[in-house]
Amino acid sequence: MAEASDSESILRQNLVDAGCGPEVVNRCMELARRKETAELMRALSLHRQLLLDTFHQSEKQIDCLDYLIYRLKKQKNPEVF
């Protein structure tokens, strides 16, 4: 994470490091400035769920590749088709 000298810069950098796009960063920064903590928590939770969904999709894809590799290694004649 990049260095930041004040709490606003730290928050902004943390949001960027967490993969938030400019729109989400700006919304969260505005909510933080207005001290709308509940709404900020909702926005962060939504982004977290998006990341988690992406992670799970990637995990499924890796599982499919692992299975394919397993099957190919197990075959005596390693032809895919």
PDB file of N, CA and C in Angstrom:
ATOM      1  N   MET A   1       0.854  -1.171   0.000  1.00  0.00           N
ATOM      2  CA  MET A   1       0.000   0.000   0.000  1.00  0.00           C
ATOM      3  C   MET A   1       0.901   1.235   0.000  1.00  0.00           C
ATOM      4  N   ALA A   2       0.564   2.233  -0.770  1.00  0.00           N
ATOM      5  CA  ALA A   2       1.347   3.455  -0.823  1.00  0.00           C
ATOM      6  C   ALA A   2       1.224   4.224   0.478  1.00  0.00           C
ATOM      7  N   GLU A   3       2.232   5.028   0.741  1.00  0.00           N
ATOM      8  CA  GLU A   3       2.181   5.844   1.956  1.00  0.00           C
ATOM      9  C   GLU A   3       1.185   6.982   1.796  1.00  0.00           C
ATOM     10  N   ALA A   4       0.543   7.332   2.871  1.00  0.00           N
ATOM     11  CA  ALA A   4      -0.395   8.455   2.870  1.00  0.00           C
ATOM     12  C   ALA A   4      -0.230   9.191   4.185  1.00  0.00           C
ATOM     13  N   SER A   5      -0.332  10.517   4.099  1.00  0.00           N
ATOM     14  CA  SER A   5      -0.033  11.331   5.281  1.00  0.00           C
ATOM     15  C   SER A   5      -1.252  11.648   6.140  1.00  0.00           C
ATOM     16  N   ASP A   6      -2.432  11.602   5.589  1.00  0.00           N
ATOM     17  CA  ASP A   6      -3.609  11.912   6.396  1.00  0.00           C
ATOM     18  C   ASP A   6      -4.670  10.836   6.221  1.00  0.00           C
ATOM     19  N   SER A   7      -5.660  10.860   7.084  1.00  0.00           N
ATOM     20  CA  SER A   7      -6.653   9.781   7.090  1.00  0.00           C
ATOM     21  C   SER A   7      -7.451   9.716   5.788  1.00  0.00           C
ATOM     22  N   GLU A   8      -7.724  10.842   5.154  1.00  0.00           N
ATOM     23  CA  GLU A   8      -8.464  10.831   3.891  1.00  0.00           C
ATOM     24  C   GLU A   8      -7.641  10.163   2.792  1.00  0.00           C
ATOM     25  N   SER A   9      -6.352  10.484   2.734  1.00  0.00           N
ATOM     26  CA  SER A   9      -5.474   9.859   1.743  1.00  0.00           C
ATOM     27  C   SER A   9      -5.318   8.362   2.007  1.00  0.00           C
ATOM     28  N   ILE A  10      -5.246   8.008   3.281  1.00  0.00           N
ATOM     29  CA  ILE A  10      -5.124   6.596   3.648  1.00  0.00           C
ATOM     30  C   ILE A  10      -6.373   5.835   3.214  1.00  0.00           C
ATOM     31  N   LEU A  11      -7.551   6.414   3.478  1.00  0.00           N
ATOM     32  CA  LEU A  11      -8.803   5.782   3.079  1.00  0.00           C
ATOM     33  C   LEU A  11      -8.852   5.628   1.567  1.00  0.00           C
ATOM     34  N   ARG A  12      -8.534   6.681   0.834  1.00  0.00           N
ATOM     35  CA  ARG A  12      -8.565   6.637  -0.631  1.00  0.00           C
ATOM     36  C   ARG A  12      -7.635   5.543  -1.148  1.00  0.00           C
ATOM     37  N   GLN A  13      -6.415   5.503  -0.630  1.00  0.00           N
ATOM     38  CA  GLN A  13      -5.446   4.519  -1.098  1.00  0.00           C
ATOM     39  C   GLN A  13      -5.901   3.099  -0.765  1.00  0.00           C
ATOM     40  N   ASN A  14      -6.508   2.923   0.401  1.00  0.00           N
ATOM     41  CA  ASN A  14      -6.996   1.604   0.789  1.00  0.00           C
ATOM     42  C   ASN A  14      -8.108   1.146  -0.151  1.00  0.00           C
ATOM     43  N   LEU A  15      -8.978   2.058  -0.520  1.00  0.00           N
ATOM     44  CA  LEU A  15     -10.052   1.724  -1.464  1.00  0.00           C
ATOM     45  C   LEU A  15      -9.484   1.320  -2.825  1.00  0.00           C
ATOM     46  N   VAL A  16      -8.494   2.067  -3.287  1.00  0.00           N
ATOM     47  CA  VAL A  16      -7.838   1.741  -4.559  1.00  0.00           C
ATOM     48  C   VAL A  16      -7.155   0.380  -4.465  1.00  0.00           C
ATOM     49  N   ASP A  17      -6.437   0.164  -3.381  1.00  0.00           N
ATOM     50  CA  ASP A  17      -5.745  -1.116  -3.179  1.00  0.00           C
ATOM     51  C   ASP A  17      -6.725  -2.285  -3.097  1.00  0.00           C
ATOM     52  N   ALA A  18      -7.943  -2.016  -2.647  1.00  0.00           N
ATOM     53  CA  ALA A  18      -8.974  -3.047  -2.540  1.00  0.00           C
ATOM     54  C   ALA A  18      -9.665  -3.296  -3.883  1.00  0.00           C
ATOM     55  N   GLY A  19      -9.239  -2.593  -4.926  1.00  0.00           N
ATOM     56  CA  GLY A  19      -9.792  -2.809  -6.249  1.00  0.00           C
ATOM     57  C   GLY A  19     -11.030  -2.001  -6.563  1.00  0.00           C
ATOM     58  N   CYS A  20     -11.337  -1.009  -5.757  1.00  0.00           N
ATOM     59  CA  CYS A  20     -12.493  -0.155  -6.024  1.00  0.00           C
ATOM     60  C   CYS A  20     -12.182   0.753  -7.212  1.00  0.00           C
ATOM     61  N   GLY A  21     -13.146   0.875  -8.093  1.00  0.00           N
ATOM     62  CA  GLY A  21     -13.005   1.773  -9.230  1.00  0.00           C
ATOM     63  C   GLY A  21     -13.243   3.210  -8.798  1.00  0.00           C
ATOM     64  N   PRO A  22     -12.966   4.149  -9.704  1.00  0.00           N
ATOM     65  CA  PRO A  22     -13.108   5.576  -9.373  1.00  0.00           C
ATOM     66  C   PRO A  22     -14.483   5.962  -8.845  1.00  0.00           C
ATOM     67  N   GLU A  23     -15.532   5.371  -9.402  1.00  0.00           N
ATOM     68  CA  GLU A  23     -16.896   5.704  -8.961  1.00  0.00           C
ATOM     69  C   GLU A  23     -17.121   5.271  -7.512  1.00  0.00           C
ATOM     70  N   VAL A  24     -16.697   4.059  -7.178  1.00  0.00           N
ATOM     71  CA  VAL A  24     -16.860   3.551  -5.815  1.00  0.00           C
ATOM     72  C   VAL A  24     -15.990   4.349  -4.850  1.00  0.00           C
ATOM     73  N   VAL A  25     -14.764   4.649  -5.266  1.00  0.00           N
ATOM     74  CA  VAL A  25     -13.857   5.435  -4.415  1.00  0.00           C
ATOM     75  C   VAL A  25     -14.485   6.786  -4.103  1.00  0.00           C
ATOM     76  N   ASN A  26     -14.960   7.467  -5.129  1.00  0.00           N
ATOM     77  CA  ASN A  26     -15.547   8.798  -4.918  1.00  0.00           C
ATOM     78  C   ASN A  26     -16.781   8.730  -4.026  1.00  0.00           C
ATOM     79  N   ARG A  27     -17.618   7.720  -4.234  1.00  0.00           N
ATOM     80  CA  ARG A  27     -18.824   7.575  -3.396  1.00  0.00           C
ATOM     81  C   ARG A  27     -18.437   7.331  -1.944  1.00  0.00           C
ATOM     82  N   CYS A  28     -17.489   6.426  -1.730  1.00  0.00           N
ATOM     83  CA  CYS A  28     -17.070   6.119  -0.360  1.00  0.00           C
ATOM     84  C   CYS A  28     -16.408   7.324   0.298  1.00  0.00           C
ATOM     85  N   MET A  29     -15.627   8.056  -0.446  1.00  0.00           N
ATOM     86  CA  MET A  29     -14.976   9.244   0.114  1.00  0.00           C
ATOM     87  C   MET A  29     -16.019  10.270   0.534  1.00  0.00           C
ATOM     88  N   GLU A  30     -17.024  10.449  -0.295  1.00  0.00           N
ATOM     89  CA  GLU A  30     -18.087  11.406   0.043  1.00  0.00           C
ATOM     90  C   GLU A  30     -18.861  10.942   1.282  1.00  0.00           C
ATOM     91  N   LEU A  31     -19.169   9.683   1.347  1.00  0.00           N
ATOM     92  CA  LEU A  31     -19.878   9.146   2.514  1.00  0.00           C
ATOM     93  C   LEU A  31     -19.037   9.306   3.781  1.00  0.00           C
ATOM     94  N   ALA A  32     -17.750   9.080   3.659  1.00  0.00           N
ATOM     95  CA  ALA A  32     -16.862   9.238   4.818  1.00  0.00           C
ATOM     96  C   ALA A  32     -16.819  10.702   5.262  1.00  0.00           C
ATOM     97  N   ARG A  33     -16.734  11.622   4.297  1.00  0.00           N
ATOM     98  CA  ARG A  33     -16.707  13.061   4.633  1.00  0.00           C
ATOM     99  C   ARG A  33     -17.976  13.475   5.370  1.00  0.00           C
ATOM    100  N   ARG A  34     -19.114  12.889   4.937  1.00  0.00           N
ATOM    101  CA  ARG A  34     -20.399  13.225   5.562  1.00  0.00           C
ATOM    102  C   ARG A  34     -20.673  12.394   6.809  1.00  0.00           C
ATOM    103  N   LYS A  35     -19.731  11.516   7.145  1.00  0.00           N
ATOM    104  CA  LYS A  35     -19.844  10.646   8.324  1.00  0.00           C
ATOM    105  C   LYS A  35     -21.083   9.764   8.267  1.00  0.00           C
ATOM    106  N   GLU A  36     -21.427   9.321   7.052  1.00  0.00           N
ATOM    107  CA  GLU A  36     -22.546   8.398   6.850  1.00  0.00           C
ATOM    108  C   GLU A  36     -21.995   6.974   6.912  1.00  0.00           C
ATOM    109  N   THR A  37     -21.659   6.558   8.116  1.00  0.00           N
ATOM    110  CA  THR A  37     -20.967   5.290   8.340  1.00  0.00           C
ATOM    111  C   THR A  37     -21.786   4.082   7.891  1.00  0.00           C
ATOM    112  N   ALA A  38     -23.061   4.070   8.175  1.00  0.00           N
ATOM    113  CA  ALA A  38     -23.898   2.920   7.796  1.00  0.00           C
ATOM    114  C   ALA A  38     -23.919   2.754   6.275  1.00  0.00           C
ATOM    115  N   GLU A  39     -24.072   3.851   5.565  1.00  0.00           N
ATOM    116  CA  GLU A  39     -24.110   3.800   4.100  1.00  0.00           C
ATOM    117  C   GLU A  39     -22.728   3.428   3.544  1.00  0.00           C
ATOM    118  N   LEU A  40     -21.678   3.913   4.167  1.00  0.00           N
ATOM    119  CA  LEU A  40     -20.312   3.560   3.771  1.00  0.00           C
ATOM    120  C   LEU A  40     -20.091   2.051   3.951  1.00  0.00           C
ATOM    121  N   MET A  41     -20.555   1.525   5.069  1.00  0.00           N
ATOM    122  CA  MET A  41     -20.423   0.087   5.324  1.00  0.00           C
ATOM    123  C   MET A  41     -21.172  -0.724   4.267  1.00  0.00           C
ATOM    124  N   ARG A  42     -22.352  -0.247   3.858  1.00  0.00           N
ATOM    125  CA  ARG A  42     -23.113  -0.937   2.808  1.00  0.00           C
ATOM    126  C   ARG A  42     -22.335  -0.937   1.491  1.00  0.00           C
ATOM    127  N   ALA A  43     -21.762   0.197   1.142  1.00  0.00           N
ATOM    128  CA  ALA A  43     -20.996   0.301  -0.110  1.00  0.00           C
ATOM    129  C   ALA A  43     -19.776  -0.626  -0.074  1.00  0.00           C
ATOM    130  N   LEU A  44     -19.093  -0.662   1.057  1.00  0.00           N
ATOM    131  CA  LEU A  44     -17.926  -1.532   1.196  1.00  0.00           C
ATOM    132  C   LEU A  44     -18.338  -3.000   1.152  1.00  0.00           C
ATOM    133  N   SER A  45     -19.445  -3.331   1.778  1.00  0.00           N
ATOM    134  CA  SER A  45     -19.939  -4.707   1.774  1.00  0.00           C
ATOM    135  C   SER A  45     -20.329  -5.155   0.366  1.00  0.00           C
ATOM    136  N   LEU A  46     -20.924  -4.256  -0.407  1.00  0.00           N
ATOM    137  CA  LEU A  46     -21.283  -4.578  -1.792  1.00  0.00           C
ATOM    138  C   LEU A  46     -20.036  -4.871  -2.620  1.00  0.00           C
ATOM    139  N   HIS A  47     -19.011  -4.041  -2.444  1.00  0.00           N
ATOM    140  CA  HIS A  47     -17.768  -4.263  -3.193  1.00  0.00           C
ATOM    141  C   HIS A  47     -17.106  -5.564  -2.748  1.00  0.00           C
ATOM    142  N   ARG A  48     -17.140  -5.835  -1.463  1.00  0.00           N
ATOM    143  CA  ARG A  48     -16.569  -7.079  -0.938  1.00  0.00           C
ATOM    144  C   ARG A  48     -17.275  -8.287  -1.553  1.00  0.00           C
ATOM    145  N   GLN A  49     -18.602  -8.230  -1.645  1.00  0.00           N
ATOM    146  CA  GLN A  49     -19.359  -9.335  -2.229  1.00  0.00           C
ATOM    147  C   GLN A  49     -18.999  -9.525  -3.701  1.00  0.00           C
ATOM    148  N   LEU A  50     -18.819  -8.425  -4.424  1.00  0.00           N
ATOM    149  CA  LEU A  50     -18.413  -8.500  -5.824  1.00  0.00           C
ATOM    150  C   LEU A  50     -17.062  -9.204  -5.950  1.00  0.00           C
ATOM    151  N   LEU A  51     -16.111  -8.823  -5.104  1.00  0.00           N
ATOM    152  CA  LEU A  51     -14.800  -9.465  -5.120  1.00  0.00           C
ATOM    153  C   LEU A  51     -14.903 -10.944  -4.778  1.00  0.00           C
ATOM    154  N   LEU A  52     -15.729 -11.265  -3.805  1.00  0.00           N
ATOM    155  CA  LEU A  52     -15.901 -12.648  -3.397  1.00  0.00           C
ATOM    156  C   LEU A  52     -16.534 -13.482  -4.518  1.00  0.00           C
ATOM    157  N   ASP A  53     -17.524 -12.925  -5.197  1.00  0.00           N
ATOM    158  CA  ASP A  53     -18.149 -13.617  -6.325  1.00  0.00           C
ATOM    159  C   ASP A  53     -17.124 -13.883  -7.433  1.00  0.00           C
ATOM    160  N   THR A  54     -16.293 -12.885  -7.711  1.00  0.00           N
ATOM    161  CA  THR A  54     -15.244 -13.035  -8.721  1.00  0.00           C
ATOM    162  C   THR A  54     -14.254 -14.115  -8.302  1.00  0.00           C
ATOM    163  N   PHE A  55     -13.889 -14.117  -7.030  1.00  0.00           N
ATOM    164  CA  PHE A  55     -12.976 -15.124  -6.498  1.00  0.00           C
ATOM    165  C   PHE A  55     -13.562 -16.524  -6.663  1.00  0.00           C
ATOM    166  N   HIS A  56     -14.829 -16.692  -6.314  1.00  0.00           N
ATOM    167  CA  HIS A  56     -15.464 -18.003  -6.414  1.00  0.00           C
ATOM    168  C   HIS A  56     -15.540 -18.477  -7.869  1.00  0.00           C
ATOM    169  N   GLN A  57     -15.808 -17.563  -8.775  1.00  0.00           N
ATOM    170  CA  GLN A  57     -15.846 -17.923 -10.198  1.00  0.00           C
ATOM    171  C   GLN A  57     -14.465 -18.384 -10.656  1.00  0.00           C
ATOM    172  N   SER A  58     -13.422 -17.675 -10.239  1.00  0.00           N
ATOM    173  CA  SER A  58     -12.058 -18.073 -10.595  1.00  0.00           C
ATOM    174  C   SER A  58     -11.704 -19.421  -9.976  1.00  0.00           C
ATOM    175  N   GLU A  59     -12.159 -19.632  -8.759  1.00  0.00           N
ATOM    176  CA  GLU A  59     -11.902 -20.895  -8.069  1.00  0.00           C
ATOM    177  C   GLU A  59     -12.535 -22.061  -8.835  1.00  0.00           C
ATOM    178  N   LYS A  60     -13.754 -21.871  -9.337  1.00  0.00           N
ATOM    179  CA  LYS A  60     -14.417 -22.912 -10.125  1.00  0.00           C
ATOM    180  C   LYS A  60     -13.647 -23.191 -11.410  1.00  0.00           C
ATOM    181  N   GLN A  61     -13.148 -22.137 -12.048  1.00  0.00           N
ATOM    182  CA  GLN A  61     -12.383 -22.308 -13.279  1.00  0.00           C
ATOM    183  C   GLN A  61     -11.085 -23.067 -13.019  1.00  0.00           C
ATOM    184  N   ILE A  62     -10.432 -22.770 -11.916  1.00  0.00           N
ATOM    185  CA  ILE A  62      -9.211 -23.486 -11.539  1.00  0.00           C
ATOM    186  C   ILE A  62      -9.525 -24.952 -11.273  1.00  0.00           C
ATOM    187  N   ASP A  63     -10.636 -25.221 -10.595  1.00  0.00           N
ATOM    188  CA  ASP A  63     -11.043 -26.605 -10.346  1.00  0.00           C
ATOM    189  C   ASP A  63     -11.250 -27.369 -11.653  1.00  0.00           C
ATOM    190  N   CYS A  64     -11.869 -26.725 -12.639  1.00  0.00           N
ATOM    191  CA  CYS A  64     -12.074 -27.364 -13.946  1.00  0.00           C
ATOM    192  C   CYS A  64     -10.742 -27.682 -14.615  1.00  0.00           C
ATOM    193  N   LEU A  65      -9.819 -26.737 -14.557  1.00  0.00           N
ATOM    194  CA  LEU A  65      -8.495 -26.978 -15.137  1.00  0.00           C
ATOM    195  C   LEU A  65      -7.750 -28.079 -14.395  1.00  0.00           C
ATOM    196  N   ASP A  66      -7.834 -28.077 -13.079  1.00  0.00           N
ATOM    197  CA  ASP A  66      -7.183 -29.122 -12.290  1.00  0.00           C
ATOM    198  C   ASP A  66      -7.737 -30.500 -12.661  1.00  0.00           C
ATOM    199  N   TYR A  67      -9.044 -30.583 -12.849  1.00  0.00           N
ATOM    200  CA  TYR A  67      -9.655 -31.855 -13.225  1.00  0.00           C
ATOM    201  C   TYR A  67      -9.176 -32.300 -14.603  1.00  0.00           C
ATOM    202  N   LEU A  68      -9.112 -31.372 -15.543  1.00  0.00           N
ATOM    203  CA  LEU A  68      -8.641 -31.692 -16.889  1.00  0.00           C
ATOM    204  C   LEU A  68      -7.194 -32.183 -16.844  1.00  0.00           C
ATOM    205  N   ILE A  69      -6.356 -31.507 -16.098  1.00  0.00           N
ATOM    206  CA  ILE A  69      -4.956 -31.915 -15.949  1.00  0.00           C
ATOM    207  C   ILE A  69      -4.869 -33.298 -15.323  1.00  0.00           C
ATOM    208  N   TYR A  70      -5.672 -33.538 -14.296  1.00  0.00           N
ATOM    209  CA  TYR A  70      -5.714 -34.845 -13.635  1.00  0.00           C
ATOM    210  C   TYR A  70      -6.076 -35.945 -14.636  1.00  0.00           C
ATOM    211  N   ARG A  71      -7.141 -35.690 -15.423  1.00  0.00           N
ATOM    212  CA  ARG A  71      -7.585 -36.686 -16.401  1.00  0.00           C
ATOM    213  C   ARG A  71      -6.523 -36.949 -17.459  1.00  0.00           C
ATOM    214  N   LEU A  72      -5.860 -35.906 -17.921  1.00  0.00           N
ATOM    215  CA  LEU A  72      -4.820 -36.078 -18.942  1.00  0.00           C
ATOM    216  C   LEU A  72      -3.632 -36.861 -18.396  1.00  0.00           C
ATOM    217  N   LYS A  73      -3.253 -36.594 -17.165  1.00  0.00           N
ATOM    218  CA  LYS A  73      -2.128 -37.314 -16.555  1.00  0.00           C
ATOM    219  C   LYS A  73      -2.476 -38.782 -16.345  1.00  0.00           C
ATOM    220  N   LYS A  74      -3.745 -39.073 -16.089  1.00  0.00           N
ATOM    221  CA  LYS A  74      -4.197 -40.424 -15.802  1.00  0.00           C
ATOM    222  C   LYS A  74      -4.294 -41.294 -17.058  1.00  0.00           C
ATOM    223  N   GLN A  75      -4.500 -40.666 -18.197  1.00  0.00           N
ATOM    224  CA  GLN A  75      -4.626 -41.408 -19.451  1.00  0.00           C
ATOM    225  C   GLN A  75      -3.282 -41.983 -19.869  1.00  0.00           C
ATOM    226  N   LYS A  76      -3.320 -43.183 -20.433  1.00  0.00           N
ATOM    227  CA  LYS A  76      -2.087 -43.772 -20.973  1.00  0.00           C
ATOM    228  C   LYS A  76      -1.723 -43.106 -22.286  1.00  0.00           C
ATOM    229  N   ASN A  77      -2.714 -42.776 -23.083  1.00  0.00           N
ATOM    230  CA  ASN A  77      -2.513 -42.085 -24.345  1.00  0.00           C
ATOM    231  C   ASN A  77      -3.065 -40.668 -24.164  1.00  0.00           C
ATOM    232  N   PRO A  78      -2.208 -39.692 -23.837  1.00  0.00           N
ATOM    233  CA  PRO A  78      -2.690 -38.352 -23.431  1.00  0.00           C
ATOM    234  C   PRO A  78      -3.226 -37.493 -24.570  1.00  0.00           C
ATOM    235  N   GLU A  79      -4.230 -37.993 -25.275  1.00  0.00           N
ATOM    236  CA  GLU A  79      -4.893 -37.172 -26.284  1.00  0.00           C
ATOM    237  C   GLU A  79      -6.130 -36.555 -25.649  1.00  0.00           C
ATOM    238  N   VAL A  80      -6.359 -35.326 -25.934  1.00  0.00           N
ATOM    239  CA  VAL A  80      -7.498 -34.626 -25.347  1.00  0.00           C
ATOM    240  C   VAL A  80      -8.806 -35.159 -25.896  1.00  0.00           C
ATOM    241  N   PHE A  81      -8.854 -35.460 -27.196  1.00  0.00           N
ATOM    242  CA  PHE A  81     -10.095 -35.924 -27.825  1.00  0.00           C
ATOM    243  C   PHE A  81      -9.960 -37.363 -28.248  1.00  0.00           C
TER     244      PHE A  81
END
